[in-house]
Structure formats: C-alpha cells, structure tokens
Amino acid sequence: MTKERIDRELSKVRAQIETLQAKQKDLEEQKRMAERAEKMDIIEKNKISSEKLQLLIKLSEDEILQLLAEKEKKKEMAENEEKVIS
C-alpha cells in the first residue's frame, strides 16, 4: 500500500469512528430516557407520592451506609485477628 492510500483509509476509518461514537452517545441517551420513563411508569402505576419516594431513597441511602460500616468493621476485625496470629 502506498502512503497516500493508507492516509485515505485512515481518514475513512476515523470518519466511521466519529459516526459510531455519535450513534453510541445518542443510543445511550435514548436508553437513559427509556429507563426514566420506565421508572415513572412504575411510580405512577403504584401511586407512589413524592414524599414516599423521598423516604424510600433516604432509607436506601441509610441502608447502604450501614452496609459499608459493617464491611469496614469486618475488615478491621480481620486485620486485628491477623495481627494476633502473627
């Protein structure tokens, strides 16, 4: 292959990559919108008020924090046991 031909091929490939990246970005946005619509349908179907939804979010956050604290505690206990064994 000549240098000019390789340059032309590279240009074509770069253009294809740009097109595919734009398509990927668009599809990811469509997916996010579809997920949001799905969530809204569930909320409306189950007649969940905004207050209940906020409470559920808060409970989920608290539960996550609690699980992280438990994990950290177990890690510390394992490190302490390792020190005792050594």
PDB file of N, CA and C in Angstrom:
ATOM      1  N   MET A   1       0.842  -1.184   0.000  1.00  0.00           N
ATOM      2  CA  MET A   1       0.000   0.000   0.000  1.00  0.00           C
ATOM      3  C   MET A   1       0.889   1.250   0.000  1.00  0.00           C
ATOM      4  N   THR A   2       0.431   2.208  -0.725  1.00  0.00           N
ATOM      5  CA  THR A   2       1.184   3.463  -0.738  1.00  0.00           C
ATOM      6  C   THR A   2       0.766   4.304   0.454  1.00  0.00           C
ATOM      7  N   LYS A   3       1.601   5.258   0.769  1.00  0.00           N
ATOM      8  CA  LYS A   3       1.336   6.144   1.913  1.00  0.00           C
ATOM      9  C   LYS A   3       0.022   6.904   1.721  1.00  0.00           C
ATOM     10  N   GLU A   4      -0.228   7.369   0.510  1.00  0.00           N
ATOM     11  CA  GLU A   4      -1.454   8.125   0.227  1.00  0.00           C
ATOM     12  C   GLU A   4      -2.697   7.252   0.419  1.00  0.00           C
ATOM     13  N   ARG A   5      -2.603   6.020  -0.033  1.00  0.00           N
ATOM     14  CA  ARG A   5      -3.735   5.104   0.109  1.00  0.00           C
ATOM     15  C   ARG A   5      -3.999   4.801   1.583  1.00  0.00           C
ATOM     16  N   ILE A   6      -2.936   4.616   2.350  1.00  0.00           N
ATOM     17  CA  ILE A   6      -3.081   4.372   3.793  1.00  0.00           C
ATOM     18  C   ILE A   6      -3.719   5.584   4.455  1.00  0.00           C
ATOM     19  N   ASP A   7      -3.283   6.781   4.068  1.00  0.00           N
ATOM     20  CA  ASP A   7      -3.873   8.004   4.624  1.00  0.00           C
ATOM     21  C   ASP A   7      -5.361   8.102   4.307  1.00  0.00           C
ATOM     22  N   ARG A   8      -5.752   7.732   3.086  1.00  0.00           N
ATOM     23  CA  ARG A   8      -7.175   7.752   2.714  1.00  0.00           C
ATOM     24  C   ARG A   8      -7.966   6.758   3.557  1.00  0.00           C
ATOM     25  N   GLU A   9      -7.412   5.560   3.731  1.00  0.00           N
ATOM     26  CA  GLU A   9      -8.073   4.538   4.542  1.00  0.00           C
ATOM     27  C   GLU A   9      -8.205   5.003   5.989  1.00  0.00           C
ATOM     28  N   LEU A  10      -7.136   5.601   6.508  1.00  0.00           N
ATOM     29  CA  LEU A  10      -7.192   6.121   7.885  1.00  0.00           C
ATOM     30  C   LEU A  10      -8.278   7.186   8.021  1.00  0.00           C
ATOM     31  N   SER A  11      -8.386   8.049   7.039  1.00  0.00           N
ATOM     32  CA  SER A  11      -9.423   9.090   7.071  1.00  0.00           C
ATOM     33  C   SER A  11     -10.816   8.478   7.080  1.00  0.00           C
ATOM     34  N   LYS A  12     -11.009   7.447   6.265  1.00  0.00           N
ATOM     35  CA  LYS A  12     -12.310   6.773   6.228  1.00  0.00           C
ATOM     36  C   LYS A  12     -12.625   6.131   7.581  1.00  0.00           C
ATOM     37  N   VAL A  13     -11.629   5.462   8.135  1.00  0.00           N
ATOM     38  CA  VAL A  13     -11.839   4.786   9.423  1.00  0.00           C
ATOM     39  C   VAL A  13     -12.143   5.797  10.508  1.00  0.00           C
ATOM     40  N   ARG A  14     -11.409   6.901  10.523  1.00  0.00           N
ATOM     41  CA  ARG A  14     -11.655   7.943  11.539  1.00  0.00           C
ATOM     42  C   ARG A  14     -13.065   8.511  11.400  1.00  0.00           C
ATOM     43  N   ALA A  15     -13.511   8.705  10.166  1.00  0.00           N
ATOM     44  CA  ALA A  15     -14.868   9.214   9.938  1.00  0.00           C
ATOM     45  C   ALA A  15     -15.900   8.194  10.440  1.00  0.00           C
ATOM     46  N   GLN A  16     -15.649   6.915  10.182  1.00  0.00           N
ATOM     47  CA  GLN A  16     -16.561   5.876  10.665  1.00  0.00           C
ATOM     48  C   GLN A  16     -16.603   5.854  12.187  1.00  0.00           C
ATOM     49  N   ILE A  17     -15.439   6.006  12.806  1.00  0.00           N
ATOM     50  CA  ILE A  17     -15.370   6.008  14.272  1.00  0.00           C
ATOM     51  C   ILE A  17     -16.167   7.177  14.830  1.00  0.00           C
ATOM     52  N   GLU A  18     -16.001   8.359  14.244  1.00  0.00           N
ATOM     53  CA  GLU A  18     -16.761   9.524  14.701  1.00  0.00           C
ATOM     54  C   GLU A  18     -18.262   9.291  14.582  1.00  0.00           C
ATOM     55  N   THR A  19     -18.672   8.703  13.472  1.00  0.00           N
ATOM     56  CA  THR A  19     -20.089   8.411  13.258  1.00  0.00           C
ATOM     57  C   THR A  19     -20.598   7.421  14.299  1.00  0.00           C
ATOM     58  N   LEU A  20     -19.821   6.380  14.542  1.00  0.00           N
ATOM     59  CA  LEU A  20     -20.232   5.365  15.517  1.00  0.00           C
ATOM     60  C   LEU A  20     -20.254   5.928  16.940  1.00  0.00           C
ATOM     61  N   GLN A  21     -19.296   6.793  17.266  1.00  0.00           N
ATOM     62  CA  GLN A  21     -19.294   7.394  18.602  1.00  0.00           C
ATOM     63  C   GLN A  21     -20.511   8.290  18.799  1.00  0.00           C
ATOM     64  N   ALA A  22     -20.883   9.034  17.767  1.00  0.00           N
ATOM     65  CA  ALA A  22     -22.082   9.874  17.857  1.00  0.00           C
ATOM     66  C   ALA A  22     -23.323   9.005  18.022  1.00  0.00           C
ATOM     67  N   LYS A  23     -23.369   7.898  17.283  1.00  0.00           N
ATOM     68  CA  LYS A  23     -24.506   6.973  17.393  1.00  0.00           C
ATOM     69  C   LYS A  23     -24.554   6.363  18.788  1.00  0.00           C
ATOM     70  N   GLN A  24     -23.383   5.989  19.323  1.00  0.00           N
ATOM     71  CA  GLN A  24     -23.322   5.426  20.670  1.00  0.00           C
ATOM     72  C   GLN A  24     -23.851   6.425  21.693  1.00  0.00           C
ATOM     73  N   LYS A  25     -23.414   7.652  21.587  1.00  0.00           N
ATOM     74  CA  LYS A  25     -23.864   8.689  22.526  1.00  0.00           C
ATOM     75  C   LYS A  25     -25.377   8.869  22.450  1.00  0.00           C
ATOM     76  N   ASP A  26     -25.907   8.896  21.233  1.00  0.00           N
ATOM     77  CA  ASP A  26     -27.347   9.051  21.049  1.00  0.00           C
ATOM     78  C   ASP A  26     -28.111   7.862  21.632  1.00  0.00           C
ATOM     79  N   LEU A  27     -27.621   6.651  21.382  1.00  0.00           N
ATOM     80  CA  LEU A  27     -28.295   5.461  21.908  1.00  0.00           C
ATOM     81  C   LEU A  27     -28.238   5.408  23.433  1.00  0.00           C
ATOM     82  N   GLU A  28     -27.109   5.830  24.017  1.00  0.00           N
ATOM     83  CA  GLU A  28     -27.011   5.851  25.477  1.00  0.00           C
ATOM     84  C   GLU A  28     -28.012   6.836  26.071  1.00  0.00           C
ATOM     85  N   GLU A  29     -28.186   7.980  25.410  1.00  0.00           N
ATOM     86  CA  GLU A  29     -29.164   8.958  25.881  1.00  0.00           C
ATOM     87  C   GLU A  29     -30.589   8.409  25.740  1.00  0.00           C
ATOM     88  N   GLN A  30     -30.875   7.740  24.644  1.00  0.00           N
ATOM     89  CA  GLN A  30     -32.195   7.129  24.461  1.00  0.00           C
ATOM     90  C   GLN A  30     -32.459   6.079  25.532  1.00  0.00           C
ATOM     91  N   LYS A  31     -31.425   5.310  25.874  1.00  0.00           N
ATOM     92  CA  LYS A  31     -31.566   4.284  26.908  1.00  0.00           C
ATOM     93  C   LYS A  31     -31.874   4.932  28.258  1.00  0.00           C
ATOM     94  N   ARG A  32     -31.137   6.004  28.601  1.00  0.00           N
ATOM     95  CA  ARG A  32     -31.408   6.712  29.862  1.00  0.00           C
ATOM     96  C   ARG A  32     -32.843   7.238  29.902  1.00  0.00           C
ATOM     97  N   MET A  33     -33.280   7.791  28.785  1.00  0.00           N
ATOM     98  CA  MET A  33     -34.647   8.321  28.736  1.00  0.00           C
ATOM     99  C   MET A  33     -35.674   7.199  28.891  1.00  0.00           C
ATOM    100  N   ALA A  34     -35.419   6.060  28.269  1.00  0.00           N
ATOM    101  CA  ALA A  34     -36.334   4.919  28.379  1.00  0.00           C
ATOM    102  C   ALA A  34     -36.368   4.397  29.816  1.00  0.00           C
ATOM    103  N   GLU A  35     -35.202   4.361  30.470  1.00  0.00           N
ATOM    104  CA  GLU A  35     -35.151   3.907  31.865  1.00  0.00           C
ATOM    105  C   GLU A  35     -35.922   4.864  32.771  1.00  0.00           C
ATOM    106  N   ARG A  36     -35.764   6.167  32.523  1.00  0.00           N
ATOM    107  CA  ARG A  36     -36.502   7.151  33.322  1.00  0.00           C
ATOM    108  C   ARG A  36     -38.003   6.996  33.116  1.00  0.00           C
ATOM    109  N   ALA A  37     -38.420   6.800  31.873  1.00  0.00           N
ATOM    110  CA  ALA A  37     -39.845   6.629  31.574  1.00  0.00           C
ATOM    111  C   ALA A  37     -40.382   5.373  32.258  1.00  0.00           C
ATOM    112  N   GLU A  38     -39.572   4.314  32.244  1.00  0.00           N
ATOM    113  CA  GLU A  38     -39.968   3.068  32.897  1.00  0.00           C
ATOM    114  C   GLU A  38     -40.161   3.286  34.396  1.00  0.00           C
ATOM    115  N   LYS A  39     -39.236   4.021  35.006  1.00  0.00           N
ATOM    116  CA  LYS A  39     -39.341   4.310  36.442  1.00  0.00           C
ATOM    117  C   LYS A  39     -40.567   5.147  36.740  1.00  0.00           C
ATOM    118  N   MET A  40     -40.829   6.130  35.892  1.00  0.00           N
ATOM    119  CA  MET A  40     -42.001   6.978  36.098  1.00  0.00           C
ATOM    120  C   MET A  40     -43.291   6.157  35.970  1.00  0.00           C
ATOM    121  N   ASP A  41     -43.303   5.231  35.030  1.00  0.00           N
ATOM    122  CA  ASP A  41     -44.481   4.364  34.871  1.00  0.00           C
ATOM    123  C   ASP A  41     -44.718   3.547  36.139  1.00  0.00           C
ATOM    124  N   ILE A  42     -43.655   3.022  36.718  1.00  0.00           N
ATOM    125  CA  ILE A  42     -43.774   2.227  37.947  1.00  0.00           C
ATOM    126  C   ILE A  42     -44.293   3.103  39.081  1.00  0.00           C
ATOM    127  N   ILE A  43     -43.744   4.313  39.190  1.00  0.00           N
ATOM    128  CA  ILE A  43     -44.169   5.236  40.251  1.00  0.00           C
ATOM    129  C   ILE A  43     -45.648   5.575  40.093  1.00  0.00           C
ATOM    130  N   GLU A  44     -46.043   5.897  38.863  1.00  0.00           N
ATOM    131  CA  GLU A  44     -47.448   6.246  38.625  1.00  0.00           C
ATOM    132  C   GLU A  44     -48.367   5.045  38.808  1.00  0.00           C
ATOM    133  N   LYS A  45     -47.936   3.888  38.338  1.00  0.00           N
ATOM    134  CA  LYS A  45     -48.752   2.674  38.438  1.00  0.00           C
ATOM    135  C   LYS A  45     -49.030   2.323  39.898  1.00  0.00           C
ATOM    136  N   ASN A  46     -48.013   2.487  40.740  1.00  0.00           N
ATOM    137  CA  ASN A  46     -48.154   2.143  42.147  1.00  0.00           C
ATOM    138  C   ASN A  46     -48.582   3.327  43.016  1.00  0.00           C
ATOM    139  N   LYS A  47     -48.866   4.433  42.350  1.00  0.00           N
ATOM    140  CA  LYS A  47     -49.344   5.642  43.039  1.00  0.00           C
ATOM    141  C   LYS A  47     -48.442   6.017  44.224  1.00  0.00           C
ATOM    142  N   ILE A  48     -47.144   6.096  43.938  1.00  0.00           N
ATOM    143  CA  ILE A  48     -46.168   6.454  44.963  1.00  0.00           C
ATOM    144  C   ILE A  48     -46.038   7.972  44.978  1.00  0.00           C
ATOM    145  N   SER A  49     -46.321   8.577  46.136  1.00  0.00           N
ATOM    146  CA  SER A  49     -46.221  10.031  46.248  1.00  0.00           C
ATOM    147  C   SER A  49     -44.752  10.438  46.306  1.00  0.00           C
ATOM    148  N   SER A  50     -44.511  11.713  46.070  1.00  0.00           N
ATOM    149  CA  SER A  50     -43.123  12.195  46.107  1.00  0.00           C
ATOM    150  C   SER A  50     -42.548  12.052  47.518  1.00  0.00           C
ATOM    151  N   GLU A  51     -43.404  12.191  48.543  1.00  0.00           N
ATOM    152  CA  GLU A  51     -42.934  12.035  49.919  1.00  0.00           C
ATOM    153  C   GLU A  51     -42.480  10.591  50.173  1.00  0.00           C
ATOM    154  N   LYS A  52     -43.281   9.639  49.713  1.00  0.00           N
ATOM    155  CA  LYS A  52     -42.917   8.225  49.884  1.00  0.00           C
ATOM    156  C   LYS A  52     -41.643   7.903  49.100  1.00  0.00           C
ATOM    157  N   LEU A  53     -41.538   8.465  47.915  1.00  0.00           N
ATOM    158  CA  LEU A  53     -40.361   8.227  47.089  1.00  0.00           C
ATOM    159  C   LEU A  53     -39.105   8.774  47.771  1.00  0.00           C
ATOM    160  N   GLN A  54     -39.199   9.956  48.337  1.00  0.00           N
ATOM    161  CA  GLN A  54     -38.062  10.536  49.062  1.00  0.00           C
ATOM    162  C   GLN A  54     -37.702   9.680  50.269  1.00  0.00           C
ATOM    163  N   LEU A  55     -38.695   9.159  50.951  1.00  0.00           N
ATOM    164  CA  LEU A  55     -38.451   8.295  52.103  1.00  0.00           C
ATOM    165  C   LEU A  55     -37.744   7.008  51.675  1.00  0.00           C
ATOM    166  N   LEU A  56     -38.193   6.428  50.562  1.00  0.00           N
ATOM    167  CA  LEU A  56     -37.545   5.216  50.045  1.00  0.00           C
ATOM    168  C   LEU A  56     -36.087   5.480  49.683  1.00  0.00           C
ATOM    169  N   ILE A  57     -35.830   6.612  49.068  1.00  0.00           N
ATOM    170  CA  ILE A  57     -34.453   6.967  48.708  1.00  0.00           C
ATOM    171  C   ILE A  57     -33.611   7.127  49.971  1.00  0.00           C
ATOM    172  N   LYS A  58     -34.157   7.813  50.967  1.00  0.00           N
ATOM    173  CA  LYS A  58     -33.435   8.035  52.224  1.00  0.00           C
ATOM    174  C   LYS A  58     -33.138   6.705  52.902  1.00  0.00           C
ATOM    175  N   LEU A  59     -34.133   5.814  52.947  1.00  0.00           N
ATOM    176  CA  LEU A  59     -33.924   4.504  53.552  1.00  0.00           C
ATOM    177  C   LEU A  59     -32.843   3.730  52.814  1.00  0.00           C
ATOM    178  N   SER A  60     -32.846   3.810  51.493  1.00  0.00           N
ATOM    179  CA  SER A  60     -31.830   3.119  50.700  1.00  0.00           C
ATOM    180  C   SER A  60     -30.443   3.665  51.002  1.00  0.00           C
ATOM    181  N   GLU A  61     -30.330   4.980  51.115  1.00  0.00           N
ATOM    182  CA  GLU A  61     -29.036   5.592  51.426  1.00  0.00           C
ATOM    183  C   GLU A  61     -28.561   5.152  52.804  1.00  0.00           C
ATOM    184  N   ASP A  62     -29.471   5.152  53.780  1.00  0.00           N
ATOM    185  CA  ASP A  62     -29.113   4.727  55.135  1.00  0.00           C
ATOM    186  C   ASP A  62     -28.664   3.269  55.149  1.00  0.00           C
ATOM    187  N   GLU A  63     -29.366   2.433  54.393  1.00  0.00           N
ATOM    188  CA  GLU A  63     -29.019   1.016  54.339  1.00  0.00           C
ATOM    189  C   GLU A  63     -27.632   0.824  53.716  1.00  0.00           C
ATOM    190  N   ILE A  64     -27.331   1.571  52.687  1.00  0.00           N
ATOM    191  CA  ILE A  64     -26.018   1.485  52.046  1.00  0.00           C
ATOM    192  C   ILE A  64     -24.932   1.908  53.020  1.00  0.00           C
ATOM    193  N   LEU A  65     -25.151   3.007  53.739  1.00  0.00           N
ATOM    194  CA  LEU A  65     -24.164   3.467  54.724  1.00  0.00           C
ATOM    195  C   LEU A  65     -23.951   2.422  55.811  1.00  0.00           C
ATOM    196  N   GLN A  66     -25.029   1.794  56.240  1.00  0.00           N
ATOM    197  CA  GLN A  66     -24.934   0.759  57.267  1.00  0.00           C
ATOM    198  C   GLN A  66     -24.132  -0.438  56.754  1.00  0.00           C
ATOM    199  N   LEU A  67     -24.389  -0.856  55.527  1.00  0.00           N
ATOM    200  CA  LEU A  67     -23.647  -1.983  54.953  1.00  0.00           C
ATOM    201  C   LEU A  67     -22.163  -1.662  54.809  1.00  0.00           C
ATOM    202  N   LEU A  68     -21.850  -0.436  54.415  1.00  0.00           N
ATOM    203  CA  LEU A  68     -20.446  -0.028  54.301  1.00  0.00           C
ATOM    204  C   LEU A  68     -19.761  -0.024  55.664  1.00  0.00           C
ATOM    205  N   ALA A  69     -20.473   0.439  56.680  1.00  0.00           N
ATOM    206  CA  ALA A  69     -19.908   0.448  58.033  1.00  0.00           C
ATOM    207  C   ALA A  69     -19.646  -0.974  58.512  1.00  0.00           C
ATOM    208  N   GLU A  70     -20.583  -1.873  58.260  1.00  0.00           N
ATOM    209  CA  GLU A  70     -20.396  -3.284  58.652  1.00  0.00           C
ATOM    210  C   GLU A  70     -19.206  -3.896  57.922  1.00  0.00           C
ATOM    211  N   LYS A  71     -19.065  -3.586  56.664  1.00  0.00           N
ATOM    212  CA  LYS A  71     -17.944  -4.110  55.879  1.00  0.00           C
ATOM    213  C   LYS A  71     -16.622  -3.609  56.449  1.00  0.00           C
ATOM    214  N   GLU A  72     -16.566  -2.335  56.793  1.00  0.00           N
ATOM    215  CA  GLU A  72     -15.348  -1.754  57.360  1.00  0.00           C
ATOM    216  C   GLU A  72     -15.023  -2.395  58.710  1.00  0.00           C
ATOM    217  N   LYS A  73     -16.066  -2.638  59.507  1.00  0.00           N
ATOM    218  CA  LYS A  73     -15.865  -3.261  60.814  1.00  0.00           C
ATOM    219  C   LYS A  73     -15.300  -4.679  60.652  1.00  0.00           C
ATOM    220  N   LYS A  74     -15.837  -5.439  59.706  1.00  0.00           N
ATOM    221  CA  LYS A  74     -15.344  -6.794  59.456  1.00  0.00           C
ATOM    222  C   LYS A  74     -13.897  -6.767  58.990  1.00  0.00           C
ATOM    223  N   LYS A  75     -13.579  -5.789  58.163  1.00  0.00           N
ATOM    224  CA  LYS A  75     -12.209  -5.653  57.674  1.00  0.00           C
ATOM    225  C   LYS A  75     -11.257  -5.371  58.827  1.00  0.00           C
ATOM    226  N   GLU A  76     -11.649  -4.473  59.718  1.00  0.00           N
ATOM    227  CA  GLU A  76     -10.814  -4.149  60.878  1.00  0.00           C
ATOM    228  C   GLU A  76     -10.639  -5.366  61.781  1.00  0.00           C
ATOM    229  N   MET A  77     -11.724  -6.133  61.981  1.00  0.00           N
ATOM    230  CA  MET A  77     -11.639  -7.326  62.816  1.00  0.00           C
ATOM    231  C   MET A  77     -10.693  -8.348  62.193  1.00  0.00           C
ATOM    232  N   ALA A  78     -10.751  -8.509  60.882  1.00  0.00           N
ATOM    233  CA  ALA A  78      -9.872  -9.454  60.208  1.00  0.00           C
ATOM    234  C   ALA A  78      -8.416  -9.016  60.329  1.00  0.00           C
ATOM    235  N   GLU A  79      -8.175  -7.723  60.225  1.00  0.00           N
ATOM    236  CA  GLU A  79      -6.805  -7.209  60.375  1.00  0.00           C
ATOM    237  C   GLU A  79      -6.303  -7.426  61.792  1.00  0.00           C
ATOM    238  N   ASN A  80      -7.161  -7.216  62.777  1.00  0.00           N
ATOM    239  CA  ASN A  80      -6.781  -7.421  64.173  1.00  0.00           C
ATOM    240  C   ASN A  80      -6.471  -8.894  64.442  1.00  0.00           C
ATOM    241  N   GLU A  81      -7.301  -9.777  63.886  1.00  0.00           N
ATOM    242  CA  GLU A  81      -7.051 -11.217  64.064  1.00  0.00           C
ATOM    243  C   GLU A  81      -5.741 -11.618  63.410  1.00  0.00           C
ATOM    244  N   GLU A  82      -5.459 -11.024  62.273  1.00  0.00           N
ATOM    245  CA  GLU A  82      -4.215 -11.326  61.570  1.00  0.00           C
ATOM    246  C   GLU A  82      -3.003 -10.885  62.410  1.00  0.00           C
ATOM    247  N   LYS A  83      -3.112  -9.733  63.067  1.00  0.00           N
ATOM    248  CA  LYS A  83      -2.032  -9.246  63.915  1.00  0.00           C
ATOM    249  C   LYS A  83      -1.818 -10.175  65.107  1.00  0.00           C
ATOM    250  N   VAL A  84      -2.931 -10.652  65.681  1.00  0.00           N
ATOM    251  CA  VAL A  84      -2.839 -11.549  66.845  1.00  0.00           C
ATOM    252  C   VAL A  84      -2.183 -12.865  66.452  1.00  0.00           C
ATOM    253  N   ILE A  85      -2.532 -13.370  65.271  1.00  0.00           N
ATOM    254  CA  ILE A  85      -1.980 -14.632  64.807  1.00  0.00           C
ATOM    255  C   ILE A  85      -0.482 -14.509  64.517  1.00  0.00           C
ATOM    256  N   SER A  86      -0.060 -13.365  64.003  1.00  0.00           N
ATOM    257  CA  SER A  86       1.347 -13.165  63.643  1.00  0.00           C
ATOM    258  C   SER A  86       2.245 -13.133  64.808  1.00  0.00           C
TER     259      SER A  86
END
